[in-house]
C-alpha atoms as a PDB file:
ATOM      1  CA  MET A   1       4.706  26.106  10.530  1.00  0.00           C
ATOM      2  CA  THR A   2       2.458  28.444   9.510  1.00  0.00           C
ATOM      3  CA  ALA A   3      -1.456  28.295  10.379  1.00  0.00           C
ATOM      4  CA  ASP A   4      -2.249  26.949   6.863  1.00  0.00           C
ATOM      5  CA  THR A   5      -0.052  23.719   7.863  1.00  0.00           C
ATOM      6  CA  PHE A   6      -1.118  23.610  10.842  1.00  0.00           C
ATOM      7  CA  THR A   7      -4.418  23.729   9.843  1.00  0.00           C
ATOM      8  CA  VAL A   8      -4.331  20.211   7.426  1.00  0.00           C
ATOM      9  CA  VAL A   9      -2.516  18.736   9.741  1.00  0.00           C
ATOM     10  CA  SER A  10      -4.523  18.825  12.846  1.00  0.00           C
ATOM     11  CA  GLN A  11      -7.110  18.114  10.399  1.00  0.00           C
ATOM     12  CA  LYS A  12      -5.377  14.452   9.024  1.00  0.00           C
ATOM     13  CA  LEU A  13      -5.050  14.088  12.648  1.00  0.00           C
ATOM     14  CA  ILE A  14      -8.286  14.216  13.280  1.00  0.00           C
ATOM     15  CA  VAL A  15      -9.836  12.443  10.107  1.00  0.00           C
ATOM     16  CA  THR A  16      -7.028   9.566  10.945  1.00  0.00           C
ATOM     17  CA  LEU A  17      -7.228   9.752  15.357  1.00  0.00           C
ATOM     18  CA  VAL A  18     -10.716   9.874  15.662  1.00  0.00           C
ATOM     19  CA  VAL A  19     -12.602   9.297  13.360  1.00  0.00           C
ATOM     20  CA  ALA A  20     -11.354   6.420  11.180  1.00  0.00           C
ATOM     21  CA  PRO A  21     -11.524   3.636  14.067  1.00  0.00           C
ATOM     22  CA  THR A  22     -15.149   4.885  14.282  1.00  0.00           C
ATOM     23  CA  VAL A  23     -16.088   4.282  10.806  1.00  0.00           C
ATOM     24  CA  ALA A  24     -14.016   1.094  12.014  1.00  0.00           C
ATOM     25  CA  VAL A  25     -16.408  -0.391  14.504  1.00  0.00           C
ATOM     26  CA  ALA A  26     -19.329   0.917  12.945  1.00  0.00           C
ATOM     27  CA  THR A  27     -18.283  -0.984   9.469  1.00  0.00           C
ATOM     28  CA  LYS A  28     -17.864  -3.614  11.947  1.00  0.00           C
ATOM     29  CA  ARG A  29     -20.528  -4.622  13.370  1.00  0.00           C
ATOM     30  CA  ALA A  30     -22.111  -4.126   9.632  1.00  0.00           C
ATOM     31  CA  THR A  31     -19.774  -6.442   8.431  1.00  0.00           C
ATOM     32  CA  GLU A  32     -20.410  -8.658  11.333  1.00  0.00           C
ATOM     33  CA  GLY A  33     -23.788  -9.508   9.373  1.00  0.00           C
ATOM     34  CA  VAL A  34     -22.301 -10.729   6.139  1.00  0.00           C
ATOM     35  CA  PRO A  35     -22.524 -14.820   5.036  1.00  0.00           C
ATOM     36  CA  GLY A  36     -19.081 -16.293   4.953  1.00  0.00           C
ATOM     37  CA  VAL A  37     -17.110 -12.515   6.095  1.00  0.00           C
ATOM     38  CA  GLY A  38     -18.594 -11.846   9.562  1.00  0.00           C
ATOM     39  CA  LYS A  39     -17.738 -15.216  10.808  1.00  0.00           C
ATOM     40  CA  LEU A  40     -14.383 -13.733  10.777  1.00  0.00           C
ATOM     41  CA  VAL A  41     -15.556 -11.124  11.789  1.00  0.00           C
ATOM     42  CA  LYS A  42     -16.790 -11.669  15.153  1.00  0.00           C
ATOM     43  CA  LYS A  43     -13.489 -13.019  15.531  1.00  0.00           C
ATOM     44  CA  ILE A  44     -11.015  -9.963  15.897  1.00  0.00           C
ATOM     45  CA  PRO A  45     -11.681  -7.649  18.133  1.00  0.00           C
ATOM     46  CA  ASN A  46     -12.852  -3.969  17.772  1.00  0.00           C
ATOM     47  CA  SER A  47      -8.998  -3.040  19.118  1.00  0.00           C
ATOM     48  CA  VAL A  48      -7.482  -4.410  16.425  1.00  0.00           C
ATOM     49  CA  TYR A  49      -9.476  -3.552  13.438  1.00  0.00           C
ATOM     50  CA  ALA A  50      -9.722  -0.217  15.118  1.00  0.00           C
ATOM     51  CA  SER A  51      -6.608   0.018  14.606  1.00  0.00           C
ATOM     52  CA  LEU A  52      -6.491  -1.548  10.905  1.00  0.00           C
ATOM     53  CA  VAL A  53      -9.459   0.746   9.744  1.00  0.00           C
ATOM     54  CA  THR A  54      -6.654   3.912  10.380  1.00  0.00           C
ATOM     55  CA  ILE A  55      -3.584   2.357   9.280  1.00  0.00           C
ATOM     56  CA  ALA A  56      -5.047   1.291   5.296  1.00  0.00           C
ATOM     57  CA  ALA A  57      -6.435   5.949   6.457  1.00  0.00           C
ATOM     58  CA  VAL A  58      -3.039   6.646   7.148  1.00  0.00           C
ATOM     59  CA  TRP A  59      -1.910   4.184   4.594  1.00  0.00           C
ATOM     60  CA  PHE A  60      -4.249   5.980   2.056  1.00  0.00           C
ATOM     61  CA  GLN A  61      -3.385   9.963   2.507  1.00  0.00           C
ATOM     62  CA  LYS A  62      -0.030   9.379   2.452  1.00  0.00           C
ATOM     63  CA  LYS A  63      -0.167   7.535  -1.306  1.00  0.00           C
ATOM     64  CA  ALA A  64      -2.623  10.804  -1.881  1.00  0.00           C
ATOM     65  CA  GLN A  65      -0.436  12.761  -0.775  1.00  0.00           C
ATOM     66  CA  SER A  66       2.949  11.567  -2.491  1.00  0.00           C
ATOM     67  CA  SER A  67       0.539  10.564  -5.710  1.00  0.00           C
ATOM     68  CA  SER A  68      -0.550  14.422  -5.648  1.00  0.00           C
ATOM     69  CA  LEU A  69       3.244  15.473  -5.860  1.00  0.00           C
END
């Protein structure tokens, strides 16, 4: 593995494992005030919501990677 590959993989892991869950919790709090959707979002535990957003982030990364090939 080259140094460039290691850097790219490290950056993607940081985004996926740190930034995505943090953004998920912040957006969950913001979404709780939206009429209609807020009640549903409040019922979902933070850990489940963060996991769903993280899975979506990984999916988008893989989709972007496969479309650029």
